[in-house]
Amino acid sequence: MYNWKILLPLYQTKQNKDMKRIVIIPVLLISIISYTKPVPTGKPKLPQKGKASFYSDKYSGKRTANAEKYNPNLLTAAHETLPLGKLVKVTNLINNQSAIVKINDRCACARYGRIIDLSRVAATQINMISKGVVKVKIEEI
C-alpha cells in the first residue's frame, strides 16, 4: 500500500500548484490499474455450458477484435477467452440444434452471465432469436 504520510506534504505545498497534479494523477492511475480484473490466462477448457446471446444489428460493419468488420450474415461469435479464429460448435440445449462458428471478437459476456455472443445468422441457425438468451454447449471442432 502507499505511504500517504510521505505524499501528503507534497500535496499540501503552496509553492507549486502543479504539484497536486504531479502527485495525485500517478497515484490514481496506479490505484485503478492495481484493482482492474486480470485477463484470464491459460487455455480455456472445452466443452463449456452456459448462456448465449446474439449481437445486435447496430454492430453491423463495426470492427471486431481481429479487425474484421462484423457481418450479421456470417457464422461468427464473440467469446471472452477462446483464441481468435478458432472454430467451435455451439449447440442449443433446448432443441439440440447446432452451428459451427468462428470466434472473431471479444466480449464481456461473463459480466452478464453469458459465455458467448453469436451473430444473427448463427442465432437463427440454432433457433434462439425469439428467446434472446438460451442455454448452450460450446465444443471444440
N, C-alpha and C. Protein backbone atom coordinates (compact mmCIF):
# COMPACT_ATOMS: atom_id res chain seq x y z
N MET A 1 0.85 -1.18 0.00
CA MET A 1 0.00 0.00 0.00
C MET A 1 0.89 1.24 0.00
N TYR A 2 0.30 2.37 -0.21
CA TYR A 2 1.04 3.62 -0.33
C TYR A 2 1.23 4.27 1.04
N ASN A 3 2.36 4.94 1.22
CA ASN A 3 2.62 5.66 2.45
C ASN A 3 2.14 7.10 2.24
N TRP A 4 0.90 7.36 2.63
CA TRP A 4 0.27 8.66 2.40
C TRP A 4 0.96 9.79 3.19
N LYS A 5 1.64 9.45 4.29
CA LYS A 5 2.32 10.48 5.09
C LYS A 5 3.46 11.11 4.31
N ILE A 6 4.06 10.34 3.42
CA ILE A 6 5.14 10.89 2.59
C ILE A 6 4.56 11.79 1.50
N LEU A 7 3.44 11.35 0.91
CA LEU A 7 2.84 12.09 -0.20
C LEU A 7 2.07 13.33 0.24
N LEU A 8 1.52 13.32 1.44
CA LEU A 8 0.70 14.42 1.91
C LEU A 8 1.42 15.76 1.95
N PRO A 9 2.64 15.84 2.46
CA PRO A 9 3.33 17.14 2.46
C PRO A 9 3.57 17.66 1.03
N LEU A 10 3.83 16.76 0.07
CA LEU A 10 3.99 17.20 -1.32
C LEU A 10 2.70 17.79 -1.86
N TYR A 11 1.60 17.16 -1.51
CA TYR A 11 0.29 17.61 -1.97
C TYR A 11 -0.07 18.98 -1.39
N GLN A 12 0.33 19.24 -0.16
CA GLN A 12 -0.07 20.45 0.53
C GLN A 12 0.83 21.66 0.26
N THR A 13 1.90 21.48 -0.48
CA THR A 13 2.78 22.62 -0.73
C THR A 13 2.07 23.68 -1.55
N LYS A 14 2.28 24.94 -1.21
CA LYS A 14 1.65 26.05 -1.92
C LYS A 14 2.61 26.65 -2.94
N GLN A 15 3.88 26.26 -2.89
CA GLN A 15 4.87 26.84 -3.79
C GLN A 15 4.63 26.40 -5.23
N ASN A 16 4.20 25.19 -5.42
CA ASN A 16 4.00 24.68 -6.77
C ASN A 16 2.58 24.10 -6.88
N LYS A 17 1.68 24.85 -7.52
CA LYS A 17 0.29 24.40 -7.63
C LYS A 17 0.16 23.15 -8.50
N ASP A 18 1.10 22.96 -9.41
CA ASP A 18 1.05 21.76 -10.26
C ASP A 18 1.47 20.51 -9.51
N MET A 19 2.04 20.67 -8.34
CA MET A 19 2.48 19.52 -7.56
C MET A 19 1.30 18.61 -7.23
N LYS A 20 0.11 19.19 -7.05
CA LYS A 20 -1.07 18.37 -6.78
C LYS A 20 -1.32 17.40 -7.91
N ARG A 21 -1.24 17.91 -9.12
CA ARG A 21 -1.45 17.05 -10.29
C ARG A 21 -0.34 16.01 -10.40
N ILE A 22 0.87 16.41 -10.13
CA ILE A 22 2.01 15.52 -10.27
C ILE A 22 1.90 14.34 -9.31
N VAL A 23 1.35 14.56 -8.13
CA VAL A 23 1.25 13.51 -7.14
C VAL A 23 -0.06 12.73 -7.27
N ILE A 24 -1.16 13.41 -7.41
CA ILE A 24 -2.47 12.76 -7.39
C ILE A 24 -2.70 11.89 -8.62
N ILE A 25 -2.39 12.38 -9.81
CA ILE A 25 -2.68 11.62 -11.03
C ILE A 25 -1.95 10.28 -11.05
N PRO A 26 -0.63 10.22 -10.81
CA PRO A 26 0.01 8.89 -10.80
C PRO A 26 -0.55 7.96 -9.73
N VAL A 27 -0.86 8.49 -8.57
CA VAL A 27 -1.41 7.66 -7.50
C VAL A 27 -2.76 7.08 -7.93
N LEU A 28 -3.61 7.90 -8.53
CA LEU A 28 -4.90 7.41 -9.01
C LEU A 28 -4.74 6.36 -10.10
N LEU A 29 -3.83 6.61 -11.03
CA LEU A 29 -3.60 5.63 -12.10
C LEU A 29 -3.11 4.30 -11.55
N ILE A 30 -2.18 4.36 -10.61
CA ILE A 30 -1.69 3.12 -10.00
C ILE A 30 -2.82 2.40 -9.27
N SER A 31 -3.67 3.15 -8.59
CA SER A 31 -4.79 2.54 -7.87
C SER A 31 -5.75 1.86 -8.83
N ILE A 32 -6.08 2.54 -9.93
CA ILE A 32 -7.01 1.97 -10.91
C ILE A 32 -6.41 0.73 -11.54
N ILE A 33 -5.16 0.79 -11.96
CA ILE A 33 -4.52 -0.34 -12.60
C ILE A 33 -4.43 -1.54 -11.67
N SER A 34 -4.14 -1.29 -10.41
CA SER A 34 -3.97 -2.40 -9.48
C SER A 34 -5.28 -3.08 -9.12
N TYR A 35 -6.41 -2.43 -9.34
CA TYR A 35 -7.70 -3.02 -9.00
C TYR A 35 -8.49 -3.51 -10.20
N THR A 36 -7.94 -3.46 -11.41
CA THR A 36 -8.66 -3.96 -12.57
C THR A 36 -8.64 -5.48 -12.58
N LYS A 37 -9.65 -6.07 -13.19
CA LYS A 37 -9.76 -7.51 -13.27
C LYS A 37 -8.72 -8.05 -14.26
N PRO A 38 -7.91 -9.01 -13.86
CA PRO A 38 -6.90 -9.54 -14.78
C PRO A 38 -7.55 -10.34 -15.91
N VAL A 39 -6.90 -10.32 -17.07
CA VAL A 39 -7.37 -11.10 -18.21
C VAL A 39 -7.08 -12.56 -17.92
N PRO A 40 -8.07 -13.45 -18.13
CA PRO A 40 -7.83 -14.86 -17.85
C PRO A 40 -6.68 -15.39 -18.71
N THR A 41 -5.82 -16.17 -18.11
CA THR A 41 -4.71 -16.75 -18.85
C THR A 41 -4.87 -18.25 -18.89
N GLY A 42 -4.10 -18.87 -19.73
CA GLY A 42 -4.18 -20.31 -19.86
C GLY A 42 -5.17 -20.71 -20.93
N LYS A 43 -5.20 -21.98 -21.21
CA LYS A 43 -6.08 -22.50 -22.26
C LYS A 43 -7.49 -22.69 -21.70
N PRO A 44 -8.51 -22.08 -22.34
CA PRO A 44 -9.88 -22.27 -21.86
C PRO A 44 -10.31 -23.73 -22.06
N LYS A 45 -11.05 -24.24 -21.12
CA LYS A 45 -11.47 -25.64 -21.17
C LYS A 45 -12.78 -25.77 -21.95
N LEU A 46 -12.79 -26.70 -22.86
CA LEU A 46 -14.00 -27.02 -23.60
C LEU A 46 -14.32 -28.48 -23.34
N PRO A 47 -15.55 -28.90 -23.33
CA PRO A 47 -16.75 -28.11 -23.61
C PRO A 47 -17.14 -27.20 -22.45
N GLN A 48 -17.84 -26.14 -22.80
CA GLN A 48 -18.39 -25.21 -21.82
C GLN A 48 -19.90 -25.20 -21.96
N LYS A 49 -20.58 -25.06 -20.85
CA LYS A 49 -22.03 -24.90 -20.88
C LYS A 49 -22.38 -23.59 -20.19
N GLY A 50 -23.35 -22.89 -20.77
CA GLY A 50 -23.78 -21.63 -20.20
C GLY A 50 -24.79 -20.96 -21.10
N LYS A 51 -25.01 -19.68 -20.87
CA LYS A 51 -26.00 -18.94 -21.65
C LYS A 51 -25.34 -18.22 -22.82
N ALA A 52 -26.11 -18.12 -23.90
CA ALA A 52 -25.64 -17.42 -25.10
C ALA A 52 -26.65 -16.35 -25.47
N SER A 53 -26.14 -15.29 -26.08
CA SER A 53 -27.00 -14.24 -26.63
C SER A 53 -26.50 -13.97 -28.04
N PHE A 54 -27.13 -13.00 -28.73
CA PHE A 54 -26.64 -12.68 -30.07
C PHE A 54 -26.46 -11.19 -30.22
N TYR A 55 -25.55 -10.83 -31.14
CA TYR A 55 -25.21 -9.44 -31.42
C TYR A 55 -26.41 -8.66 -31.94
N SER A 56 -26.50 -7.44 -31.56
CA SER A 56 -27.49 -6.53 -32.11
C SER A 56 -27.04 -6.12 -33.51
N ASP A 57 -27.98 -5.80 -34.37
CA ASP A 57 -27.65 -5.35 -35.73
C ASP A 57 -26.94 -3.99 -35.72
N LYS A 58 -26.99 -3.27 -34.62
CA LYS A 58 -26.32 -1.96 -34.58
C LYS A 58 -24.81 -2.09 -34.69
N TYR A 59 -24.26 -3.29 -34.46
CA TYR A 59 -22.82 -3.51 -34.58
C TYR A 59 -22.39 -3.86 -36.00
N SER A 60 -23.33 -4.01 -36.90
CA SER A 60 -23.02 -4.37 -38.28
C SER A 60 -22.05 -3.36 -38.89
N GLY A 61 -20.95 -3.87 -39.47
CA GLY A 61 -19.96 -3.02 -40.11
C GLY A 61 -18.88 -2.52 -39.17
N LYS A 62 -19.04 -2.69 -37.87
CA LYS A 62 -18.01 -2.24 -36.92
C LYS A 62 -16.92 -3.29 -36.81
N ARG A 63 -15.72 -2.85 -36.46
CA ARG A 63 -14.57 -3.75 -36.38
C ARG A 63 -14.67 -4.68 -35.17
N THR A 64 -14.27 -5.92 -35.39
CA THR A 64 -14.21 -6.91 -34.31
C THR A 64 -12.78 -6.94 -33.77
N ALA A 65 -12.54 -7.78 -32.79
CA ALA A 65 -11.22 -7.85 -32.15
C ALA A 65 -10.12 -8.30 -33.11
N ASN A 66 -10.47 -9.06 -34.14
CA ASN A 66 -9.44 -9.48 -35.09
C ASN A 66 -9.45 -8.61 -36.35
N ALA A 67 -10.02 -7.41 -36.26
CA ALA A 67 -10.02 -6.36 -37.29
C ALA A 67 -10.94 -6.64 -38.47
N GLU A 68 -11.74 -7.69 -38.41
CA GLU A 68 -12.75 -7.90 -39.45
C GLU A 68 -13.94 -7.00 -39.15
N LYS A 69 -14.71 -6.68 -40.20
CA LYS A 69 -15.97 -5.97 -39.96
C LYS A 69 -17.03 -6.99 -39.60
N TYR A 70 -17.82 -6.67 -38.56
CA TYR A 70 -18.88 -7.58 -38.15
C TYR A 70 -19.94 -7.65 -39.23
N ASN A 71 -20.26 -8.87 -39.63
CA ASN A 71 -21.31 -9.12 -40.62
C ASN A 71 -22.31 -10.07 -39.98
N PRO A 72 -23.55 -9.64 -39.76
CA PRO A 72 -24.54 -10.50 -39.11
C PRO A 72 -24.91 -11.72 -39.94
N ASN A 73 -24.50 -11.75 -41.20
CA ASN A 73 -24.83 -12.88 -42.08
C ASN A 73 -23.73 -13.93 -42.15
N LEU A 74 -22.70 -13.81 -41.33
CA LEU A 74 -21.64 -14.81 -41.26
C LEU A 74 -21.74 -15.56 -39.94
N LEU A 75 -21.28 -16.80 -39.93
CA LEU A 75 -21.31 -17.62 -38.72
C LEU A 75 -20.10 -17.28 -37.85
N THR A 76 -20.26 -16.25 -37.04
CA THR A 76 -19.18 -15.78 -36.16
C THR A 76 -19.71 -15.62 -34.74
N ALA A 77 -18.76 -15.44 -33.81
CA ALA A 77 -19.15 -15.29 -32.41
C ALA A 77 -18.07 -14.53 -31.65
N ALA A 78 -18.46 -14.05 -30.47
CA ALA A 78 -17.53 -13.39 -29.55
C ALA A 78 -17.45 -14.23 -28.28
N HIS A 79 -16.23 -14.40 -27.79
CA HIS A 79 -16.00 -15.17 -26.57
C HIS A 79 -14.93 -14.45 -25.76
N GLU A 80 -14.98 -14.61 -24.46
CA GLU A 80 -14.05 -13.88 -23.59
C GLU A 80 -12.61 -14.40 -23.68
N THR A 81 -12.42 -15.72 -23.82
CA THR A 81 -11.06 -16.26 -23.73
C THR A 81 -10.64 -17.17 -24.88
N LEU A 82 -11.55 -17.72 -25.65
CA LEU A 82 -11.15 -18.62 -26.73
C LEU A 82 -10.31 -17.87 -27.75
N PRO A 83 -9.33 -18.56 -28.37
CA PRO A 83 -8.46 -17.89 -29.34
C PRO A 83 -9.24 -17.38 -30.55
N LEU A 84 -8.85 -16.19 -31.02
CA LEU A 84 -9.48 -15.63 -32.21
C LEU A 84 -9.17 -16.55 -33.40
N GLY A 85 -10.17 -16.78 -34.23
CA GLY A 85 -10.02 -17.64 -35.40
C GLY A 85 -10.39 -19.09 -35.13
N LYS A 86 -10.62 -19.46 -33.89
CA LYS A 86 -10.97 -20.84 -33.53
C LYS A 86 -12.39 -21.17 -33.96
N LEU A 87 -12.58 -22.36 -34.51
CA LEU A 87 -13.91 -22.84 -34.87
C LEU A 87 -14.46 -23.67 -33.72
N VAL A 88 -15.69 -23.39 -33.33
CA VAL A 88 -16.36 -24.14 -32.27
C VAL A 88 -17.78 -24.49 -32.70
N LYS A 89 -18.28 -25.55 -32.11
CA LYS A 89 -19.67 -25.96 -32.34
C LYS A 89 -20.50 -25.49 -31.16
N VAL A 90 -21.55 -24.72 -31.46
CA VAL A 90 -22.44 -24.20 -30.42
C VAL A 90 -23.78 -24.92 -30.58
N THR A 91 -24.22 -25.59 -29.51
CA THR A 91 -25.46 -26.36 -29.54
C THR A 91 -26.45 -25.76 -28.56
N ASN A 92 -27.66 -25.49 -29.06
CA ASN A 92 -28.77 -25.03 -28.23
C ASN A 92 -29.24 -26.24 -27.41
N LEU A 93 -29.17 -26.17 -26.10
CA LEU A 93 -29.52 -27.30 -25.25
C LEU A 93 -31.02 -27.53 -25.12
N ILE A 94 -31.82 -26.59 -25.59
CA ILE A 94 -33.28 -26.77 -25.54
C ILE A 94 -33.76 -27.63 -26.70
N ASN A 95 -33.21 -27.36 -27.92
CA ASN A 95 -33.70 -28.08 -29.11
C ASN A 95 -32.62 -28.90 -29.82
N ASN A 96 -31.40 -28.91 -29.29
CA ASN A 96 -30.26 -29.65 -29.85
C ASN A 96 -29.86 -29.23 -31.26
N GLN A 97 -30.24 -28.05 -31.69
CA GLN A 97 -29.77 -27.52 -32.98
C GLN A 97 -28.40 -26.89 -32.75
N SER A 98 -27.52 -27.02 -33.76
CA SER A 98 -26.17 -26.52 -33.58
C SER A 98 -25.68 -25.74 -34.79
N ALA A 99 -24.62 -24.96 -34.56
CA ALA A 99 -23.97 -24.18 -35.60
C ALA A 99 -22.48 -24.19 -35.34
N ILE A 100 -21.70 -24.20 -36.40
CA ILE A 100 -20.25 -24.09 -36.28
C ILE A 100 -19.90 -22.64 -36.57
N VAL A 101 -19.26 -21.99 -35.60
CA VAL A 101 -18.94 -20.56 -35.71
C VAL A 101 -17.45 -20.32 -35.52
N LYS A 102 -16.99 -19.20 -36.07
CA LYS A 102 -15.60 -18.79 -35.89
C LYS A 102 -15.56 -17.67 -34.85
N ILE A 103 -14.68 -17.81 -33.88
CA ILE A 103 -14.51 -16.77 -32.86
C ILE A 103 -13.71 -15.63 -33.49
N ASN A 104 -14.34 -14.45 -33.61
CA ASN A 104 -13.64 -13.32 -34.21
C ASN A 104 -13.72 -12.05 -33.38
N ASP A 105 -14.24 -12.17 -32.15
CA ASP A 105 -14.38 -10.98 -31.32
C ASP A 105 -14.29 -11.36 -29.85
N ARG A 106 -14.11 -10.34 -29.03
CA ARG A 106 -14.09 -10.50 -27.57
C ARG A 106 -15.37 -9.91 -27.00
N CYS A 107 -15.75 -10.40 -25.85
CA CYS A 107 -16.94 -9.85 -25.19
C CYS A 107 -16.75 -9.91 -23.69
N ALA A 108 -17.53 -9.12 -23.01
CA ALA A 108 -17.55 -9.14 -21.55
C ALA A 108 -18.78 -9.92 -21.12
N CYS A 109 -18.97 -11.06 -21.75
CA CYS A 109 -20.17 -11.87 -21.52
C CYS A 109 -20.35 -12.28 -20.07
N ALA A 110 -19.24 -12.64 -19.42
CA ALA A 110 -19.33 -13.14 -18.04
C ALA A 110 -19.96 -12.12 -17.11
N ARG A 111 -19.76 -10.86 -17.42
CA ARG A 111 -20.36 -9.79 -16.61
C ARG A 111 -21.88 -9.89 -16.60
N TYR A 112 -22.42 -10.42 -17.71
CA TYR A 112 -23.88 -10.52 -17.84
C TYR A 112 -24.36 -11.97 -17.70
N GLY A 113 -23.50 -12.85 -17.24
CA GLY A 113 -23.89 -14.24 -17.01
C GLY A 113 -23.95 -15.09 -18.26
N ARG A 114 -23.25 -14.67 -19.33
CA ARG A 114 -23.26 -15.43 -20.57
C ARG A 114 -21.84 -15.88 -20.91
N ILE A 115 -21.74 -16.88 -21.80
CA ILE A 115 -20.42 -17.36 -22.18
C ILE A 115 -20.06 -17.04 -23.62
N ILE A 116 -21.05 -16.69 -24.45
CA ILE A 116 -20.77 -16.42 -25.86
C ILE A 116 -21.85 -15.51 -26.44
N ASP A 117 -21.44 -14.68 -27.42
CA ASP A 117 -22.36 -13.86 -28.20
C ASP A 117 -22.27 -14.33 -29.64
N LEU A 118 -23.41 -14.65 -30.24
CA LEU A 118 -23.44 -15.18 -31.60
C LEU A 118 -23.88 -14.12 -32.60
N SER A 119 -23.49 -14.30 -33.86
CA SER A 119 -24.01 -13.44 -34.92
C SER A 119 -25.48 -13.78 -35.14
N ARG A 120 -26.19 -12.91 -35.84
CA ARG A 120 -27.62 -13.13 -36.06
C ARG A 120 -27.88 -14.43 -36.81
N VAL A 121 -27.11 -14.72 -37.85
CA VAL A 121 -27.35 -15.93 -38.64
C VAL A 121 -27.06 -17.19 -37.82
N ALA A 122 -26.05 -17.15 -36.96
CA ALA A 122 -25.76 -18.29 -36.08
C ALA A 122 -26.90 -18.47 -35.07
N ALA A 123 -27.41 -17.38 -34.53
CA ALA A 123 -28.54 -17.45 -33.59
C ALA A 123 -29.78 -18.00 -34.29
N THR A 124 -29.99 -17.61 -35.54
CA THR A 124 -31.13 -18.13 -36.31
C THR A 124 -30.96 -19.62 -36.55
N GLN A 125 -29.74 -20.05 -36.85
CA GLN A 125 -29.48 -21.45 -37.16
C GLN A 125 -29.76 -22.36 -35.97
N ILE A 126 -29.52 -21.87 -34.75
CA ILE A 126 -29.82 -22.71 -33.58
C ILE A 126 -31.18 -22.34 -32.96
N ASN A 127 -31.94 -21.52 -33.68
CA ASN A 127 -33.33 -21.19 -33.32
C ASN A 127 -33.43 -20.55 -31.93
N MET A 128 -32.70 -19.45 -31.73
CA MET A 128 -32.75 -18.76 -30.44
C MET A 128 -33.18 -17.31 -30.55
N ILE A 129 -33.49 -16.84 -31.75
CA ILE A 129 -33.82 -15.42 -31.97
C ILE A 129 -35.01 -14.99 -31.11
N SER A 130 -36.05 -15.79 -31.07
CA SER A 130 -37.26 -15.38 -30.33
C SER A 130 -37.03 -15.35 -28.82
N LYS A 131 -36.12 -16.17 -28.31
CA LYS A 131 -35.87 -16.21 -26.87
C LYS A 131 -34.84 -15.16 -26.44
N GLY A 132 -33.87 -14.86 -27.30
CA GLY A 132 -32.84 -13.86 -26.97
C GLY A 132 -31.65 -14.44 -26.25
N VAL A 133 -31.89 -15.18 -25.18
CA VAL A 133 -30.82 -15.84 -24.41
C VAL A 133 -31.24 -17.28 -24.16
N VAL A 134 -30.34 -18.22 -24.50
CA VAL A 134 -30.63 -19.64 -24.27
C VAL A 134 -29.39 -20.33 -23.70
N LYS A 135 -29.61 -21.51 -23.13
CA LYS A 135 -28.50 -22.32 -22.64
C LYS A 135 -27.88 -23.05 -23.82
N VAL A 136 -26.54 -23.02 -23.87
CA VAL A 136 -25.82 -23.66 -24.97
C VAL A 136 -24.65 -24.47 -24.45
N LYS A 137 -24.11 -25.29 -25.33
CA LYS A 137 -22.89 -26.03 -25.07
C LYS A 137 -21.91 -25.67 -26.17
N ILE A 138 -20.69 -25.31 -25.80
CA ILE A 138 -19.64 -24.98 -26.78
C ILE A 138 -18.65 -26.14 -26.78
N GLU A 139 -18.41 -26.69 -27.99
CA GLU A 139 -17.49 -27.80 -28.14
C GLU A 139 -16.40 -27.47 -29.15
N GLU A 140 -15.25 -28.07 -28.95
CA GLU A 140 -14.12 -27.88 -29.87
C GLU A 140 -14.38 -28.70 -31.13
N ILE A 141 -13.95 -28.16 -32.25
CA ILE A 141 -14.09 -28.86 -33.55
C ILE A 141 -12.78 -29.56 -33.85
